[in-house]
Amino acid sequence: MTEPVRPEVLISRLTSDNQSWRADAEARLVSLGEQSVAPLIGALQHANPAVRIHAVHALAKLRSPKAIAPVVDALADTENRGAVAIAAEKALVDWGEPVKPALLESAQAGGEAVRARALRALGKIGGEDLESSFTVMLADPLPSIRGQAAAALAMAIGQRAVEIIAPLLEDADKWVRYGVAEALVRIGSIRGREILEQARGDVDEQGTYIRFWAEDLLDEIDELQRTGRAIR
């Protein structure tokens, strides 16, 4: 009878240059269930970012409550252009409802980049229970958090968010205004048209993606109006 491969051995295989070998090792770690959880949590501290990414994926599939806090902590991993943090954000969204309390704590008290990622993940998970927390963060001192909170609220509660986030179209920070205008379009509102027209003509952003981004959103507004789906 063949002896099962220990989780630690499979984790060492995650360092391979061969993607298929790494994928196989990740799948086998998941198949081992609970006995893989502790070694995978430890692997979140591995020197190799590829190992950390696979560990995040595997832990999210295992859905162990013990792994929620460590995977949320991985939102702060900035190595390799934030590849681990990006993987953690996606994994937490897929994990869903059970991770919301830990994500909300990070959205309220983490570093700026972590707060933004946590807010984005929470918005995608959704739920009306998030409304009050997101609304408070619309007045955050950091522009990035105000903008992300508005976008997250729009994702979480849909068209009911229009009246709540529309006042931020007058925010002192142009990136907040631009982000809120986009969030409004995504839920069918045309209130951000004037801001998007300003963005299209923003002389400080000539030659950047902003003009094309604004034009695309203005086209979406035109389509909403043409089809009678636009809301104020």
Protein backbone atom coordinates (compact mmCIF):
# COMPACT_ATOMS: atom_id res chain seq x y z
CA MET A 1 0.00 0.00 0.00
CA THR A 2 1.42 3.38 -1.01
CA GLU A 3 1.98 5.80 1.89
CA PRO A 4 0.21 9.18 1.35
CA VAL A 5 2.49 12.08 0.57
CA ARG A 6 2.80 14.42 3.55
CA PRO A 7 1.57 18.01 3.13
CA GLU A 8 5.06 19.37 3.77
CA VAL A 9 6.42 17.40 0.81
CA LEU A 10 3.64 18.67 -1.44
CA ILE A 11 4.32 22.25 -0.33
CA SER A 12 7.98 21.82 -1.29
CA ARG A 13 6.76 20.84 -4.78
CA LEU A 14 5.05 24.21 -5.07
CA THR A 15 8.51 25.69 -5.67
CA SER A 16 8.83 23.82 -8.99
CA ASP A 17 9.30 25.76 -12.21
CA ASN A 18 6.78 23.40 -13.80
CA GLN A 19 3.29 24.92 -13.55
CA SER A 20 1.51 21.57 -13.98
CA TRP A 21 3.49 20.06 -11.11
CA ARG A 22 2.57 23.01 -8.89
CA ALA A 23 -1.10 22.72 -9.85
CA ASP A 24 -1.03 18.99 -9.09
CA ALA A 25 0.60 19.60 -5.70
CA GLU A 26 -2.04 22.24 -4.86
CA ALA A 27 -4.88 19.87 -5.83
CA ARG A 28 -3.41 17.09 -3.71
CA LEU A 29 -3.03 19.40 -0.74
CA VAL A 30 -6.72 20.28 -1.03
CA SER A 31 -7.63 16.60 -1.26
CA LEU A 32 -5.87 15.93 2.05
CA GLY A 33 -8.33 18.21 3.80
CA GLU A 34 -7.80 19.49 7.32
CA GLN A 35 -4.32 18.04 7.72
CA SER A 36 -3.10 20.47 5.04
CA VAL A 37 -4.45 23.59 6.74
CA ALA A 38 -1.65 24.25 9.26
CA PRO A 39 1.19 23.56 6.78
CA LEU A 40 -0.50 25.80 4.19
CA ILE A 41 -0.90 28.61 6.71
CA GLY A 42 2.82 28.27 7.38
CA ALA A 43 3.47 28.38 3.62
CA LEU A 44 1.99 31.89 3.53
CA GLN A 45 5.35 32.97 4.97
CA HIS A 46 7.42 31.09 2.35
CA ALA A 47 10.16 33.08 0.62
CA ASN A 48 8.81 32.12 -2.81
CA PRO A 49 5.74 34.18 -3.82
CA ALA A 50 4.51 31.36 -6.10
CA VAL A 51 4.25 29.11 -3.04
CA ARG A 52 2.30 31.79 -1.18
CA ILE A 53 -0.11 32.17 -4.10
CA HIS A 54 -0.79 28.43 -4.28
CA ALA A 55 -1.23 28.36 -0.50
CA VAL A 56 -3.85 31.11 -0.73
CA HIS A 57 -5.70 29.20 -3.46
CA ALA A 58 -5.64 25.93 -1.53
CA LEU A 59 -6.74 27.48 1.77
CA ALA A 60 -9.65 29.21 0.10
CA LYS A 61 -10.78 25.89 -1.37
CA LEU A 62 -10.45 24.14 2.01
CA ARG A 63 -12.63 26.82 3.67
CA SER A 64 -11.18 26.25 7.14
CA PRO A 65 -12.14 28.99 9.63
CA LYS A 66 -8.56 28.81 10.94
CA ALA A 67 -7.29 30.12 7.61
CA ILE A 68 -9.50 33.20 7.30
CA ALA A 69 -7.28 35.58 9.26
CA PRO A 70 -4.01 34.42 7.60
CA VAL A 71 -5.50 34.79 4.10
CA VAL A 72 -6.86 38.25 4.96
CA ASP A 73 -3.37 39.13 6.21
CA ALA A 74 -2.05 38.16 2.77
CA LEU A 75 -3.79 41.25 1.38
CA ALA A 76 -0.74 43.13 2.69
CA ASP A 77 1.75 41.07 0.63
CA THR A 78 3.29 43.58 -1.79
CA GLU A 79 6.04 41.44 -3.35
CA ASN A 80 6.00 40.73 -7.09
CA ARG A 81 3.63 43.66 -7.83
CA GLY A 82 1.16 42.46 -5.25
CA ALA A 83 0.56 39.09 -6.93
CA VAL A 84 -0.15 37.35 -3.62
CA ALA A 85 -2.46 40.16 -2.47
CA ILE A 86 -4.36 39.96 -5.76
CA ALA A 87 -4.73 36.20 -5.36
CA ALA A 88 -5.86 36.63 -1.75
CA GLU A 89 -8.47 39.23 -2.71
CA LYS A 90 -9.96 36.95 -5.37
CA ALA A 91 -9.86 33.94 -3.06
CA LEU A 92 -11.67 35.83 -0.31
CA VAL A 93 -14.39 36.92 -2.71
CA ASP A 94 -14.88 33.29 -3.75
CA TRP A 95 -14.90 32.26 -0.07
CA GLY A 96 -17.83 34.59 0.51
CA GLU A 97 -19.95 35.22 3.58
CA PRO A 98 -17.73 33.63 6.27
CA VAL A 99 -14.84 36.04 5.62
CA LYS A 100 -16.85 39.26 5.86
CA PRO A 101 -16.16 40.03 9.56
CA ALA A 102 -12.38 39.68 9.13
CA LEU A 103 -12.42 41.67 5.90
CA LEU A 104 -14.48 44.42 7.49
CA GLU A 105 -11.98 44.68 10.34
CA SER A 106 -9.16 45.10 7.81
CA ALA A 107 -11.21 47.62 5.82
CA GLN A 108 -11.60 49.71 8.94
CA ALA A 109 -8.19 49.41 10.55
CA GLY A 110 -5.57 48.12 8.10
CA GLY A 111 -3.02 50.01 6.05
CA GLU A 112 -4.31 52.07 3.13
CA ALA A 113 -3.66 49.45 0.42
CA VAL A 114 -5.10 46.65 2.56
CA ARG A 115 -8.20 48.69 3.38
CA ALA A 116 -8.81 49.35 -0.30
CA ARG A 117 -8.47 45.66 -1.20
CA ALA A 118 -10.69 44.60 1.68
CA LEU A 119 -13.36 47.10 0.65
CA ARG A 120 -13.25 45.90 -2.94
CA ALA A 121 -13.61 42.27 -1.85
CA LEU A 122 -16.48 43.11 0.50
CA GLY A 123 -18.30 44.99 -2.25
CA LYS A 124 -18.09 41.96 -4.52
CA ILE A 125 -19.31 39.62 -1.79
CA GLY A 126 -22.15 42.08 -1.11
CA GLY A 127 -24.92 42.21 1.43
CA GLU A 128 -27.09 44.94 2.89
CA ASP A 129 -25.48 44.35 6.29
CA LEU A 130 -22.42 46.23 4.96
CA GLU A 131 -24.31 49.44 4.21
CA SER A 132 -23.77 51.24 7.51
CA SER A 133 -20.05 50.43 7.67
CA PHE A 134 -19.46 51.53 4.08
CA THR A 135 -21.45 54.71 4.62
CA VAL A 136 -19.23 55.70 7.54
CA MET A 137 -16.15 55.23 5.37
CA LEU A 138 -17.51 57.65 2.74
CA ALA A 139 -16.22 60.36 5.09
CA ASP A 140 -12.79 58.78 5.62
CA PRO A 141 -9.82 61.20 5.62
CA LEU A 142 -8.13 59.15 2.87
CA PRO A 143 -9.46 59.83 -0.65
CA SER A 144 -8.66 56.27 -1.77
CA ILE A 145 -10.86 54.86 0.98
CA ARG A 146 -13.73 57.25 0.25
CA GLY A 147 -13.65 56.21 -3.39
CA GLN A 148 -13.40 52.50 -2.67
CA ALA A 149 -16.16 52.69 -0.07
CA ALA A 150 -18.47 54.34 -2.61
CA ALA A 151 -17.70 51.72 -5.25
CA ALA A 152 -18.10 48.91 -2.73
CA LEU A 153 -21.42 50.25 -1.53
CA ALA A 154 -22.69 50.46 -5.10
CA MET A 155 -21.66 46.85 -5.72
CA ALA A 156 -23.13 45.66 -2.44
CA ILE A 157 -26.59 47.24 -2.54
CA GLY A 158 -27.05 48.34 -6.14
CA GLN A 159 -29.33 51.22 -7.09
CA ARG A 160 -30.18 52.06 -3.49
CA ALA A 161 -26.64 53.40 -3.23
CA VAL A 162 -27.28 56.26 -5.68
CA GLU A 163 -28.56 58.78 -3.15
CA ILE A 164 -25.88 57.80 -0.64
CA ILE A 165 -22.81 58.11 -2.86
CA ALA A 166 -23.90 60.86 -5.29
CA PRO A 167 -22.81 63.67 -2.91
CA LEU A 168 -19.21 62.50 -3.44
CA LEU A 169 -19.44 63.80 -7.00
CA GLU A 170 -18.49 67.07 -5.28
CA ASP A 171 -15.58 65.60 -3.32
CA ALA A 172 -12.43 67.73 -3.12
CA ASP A 173 -10.36 64.92 -4.69
CA LYS A 174 -10.86 64.42 -8.43
CA TRP A 175 -10.08 60.69 -8.24
CA VAL A 176 -12.91 60.25 -5.76
CA ARG A 177 -15.23 62.16 -8.10
CA TYR A 178 -14.15 60.07 -11.08
CA GLY A 179 -14.51 56.81 -9.16
CA VAL A 180 -17.98 57.71 -7.90
CA ALA A 181 -19.08 58.70 -11.40
CA GLU A 182 -18.02 55.28 -12.64
CA ALA A 183 -19.71 53.49 -9.72
CA LEU A 184 -22.95 55.32 -10.53
CA VAL A 185 -22.84 54.28 -14.17
CA ARG A 186 -22.29 50.65 -13.12
CA ILE A 187 -25.62 50.70 -11.26
CA GLY A 188 -27.48 52.49 -14.02
CA SER A 189 -27.32 56.10 -12.86
CA ILE A 190 -26.45 59.00 -15.16
CA ARG A 191 -25.70 61.48 -12.37
CA GLY A 192 -21.99 61.38 -13.04
CA ARG A 193 -22.22 62.62 -16.64
CA GLU A 194 -20.87 66.12 -15.89
CA ILE A 195 -17.92 64.69 -13.93
CA LEU A 196 -17.11 62.26 -16.74
CA GLU A 197 -17.20 65.11 -19.25
CA GLN A 198 -14.75 66.98 -17.03
CA ALA A 199 -12.55 63.87 -16.87
CA ARG A 200 -12.58 63.58 -20.67
CA GLY A 201 -11.24 67.12 -20.92
CA ASP A 202 -8.86 66.91 -17.94
CA VAL A 203 -5.75 68.73 -19.20
CA ASP A 204 -3.59 67.14 -16.50
CA GLU A 205 -4.43 63.67 -17.83
CA GLN A 206 -3.96 64.24 -21.56
CA GLY A 207 -2.23 61.25 -23.12
CA THR A 208 -3.32 58.89 -20.35
CA TYR A 209 -6.10 56.30 -20.26
CA ILE A 210 -8.48 58.74 -18.51
CA ARG A 211 -9.88 60.26 -21.69
CA PHE A 212 -10.73 56.84 -23.16
CA TRP A 213 -12.09 55.59 -19.82
CA ALA A 214 -14.38 58.63 -19.61
CA GLU A 215 -15.51 58.27 -23.21
CA ASP A 216 -16.42 54.61 -22.66
CA LEU A 217 -18.50 55.50 -19.60
CA LEU A 218 -20.20 58.38 -21.40
CA ASP A 219 -21.09 55.92 -24.18
CA GLU A 220 -22.61 53.66 -21.51
CA ILE A 221 -24.68 56.59 -20.22
CA ASP A 222 -25.91 57.27 -23.75
CA GLU A 223 -26.90 53.62 -24.08
CA LEU A 224 -28.71 53.67 -20.73
CA GLN A 225 -30.72 56.69 -21.90
CA ARG A 226 -31.36 55.29 -25.37
CA THR A 227 -32.77 52.06 -23.93
CA GLY A 228 -34.79 53.76 -21.19
CA ARG A 229 -32.83 52.07 -18.39
CA ALA A 230 -31.20 55.23 -17.00
CA ILE A 231 -31.96 56.32 -13.46
CA ARG A 232 -31.22 59.64 -11.83
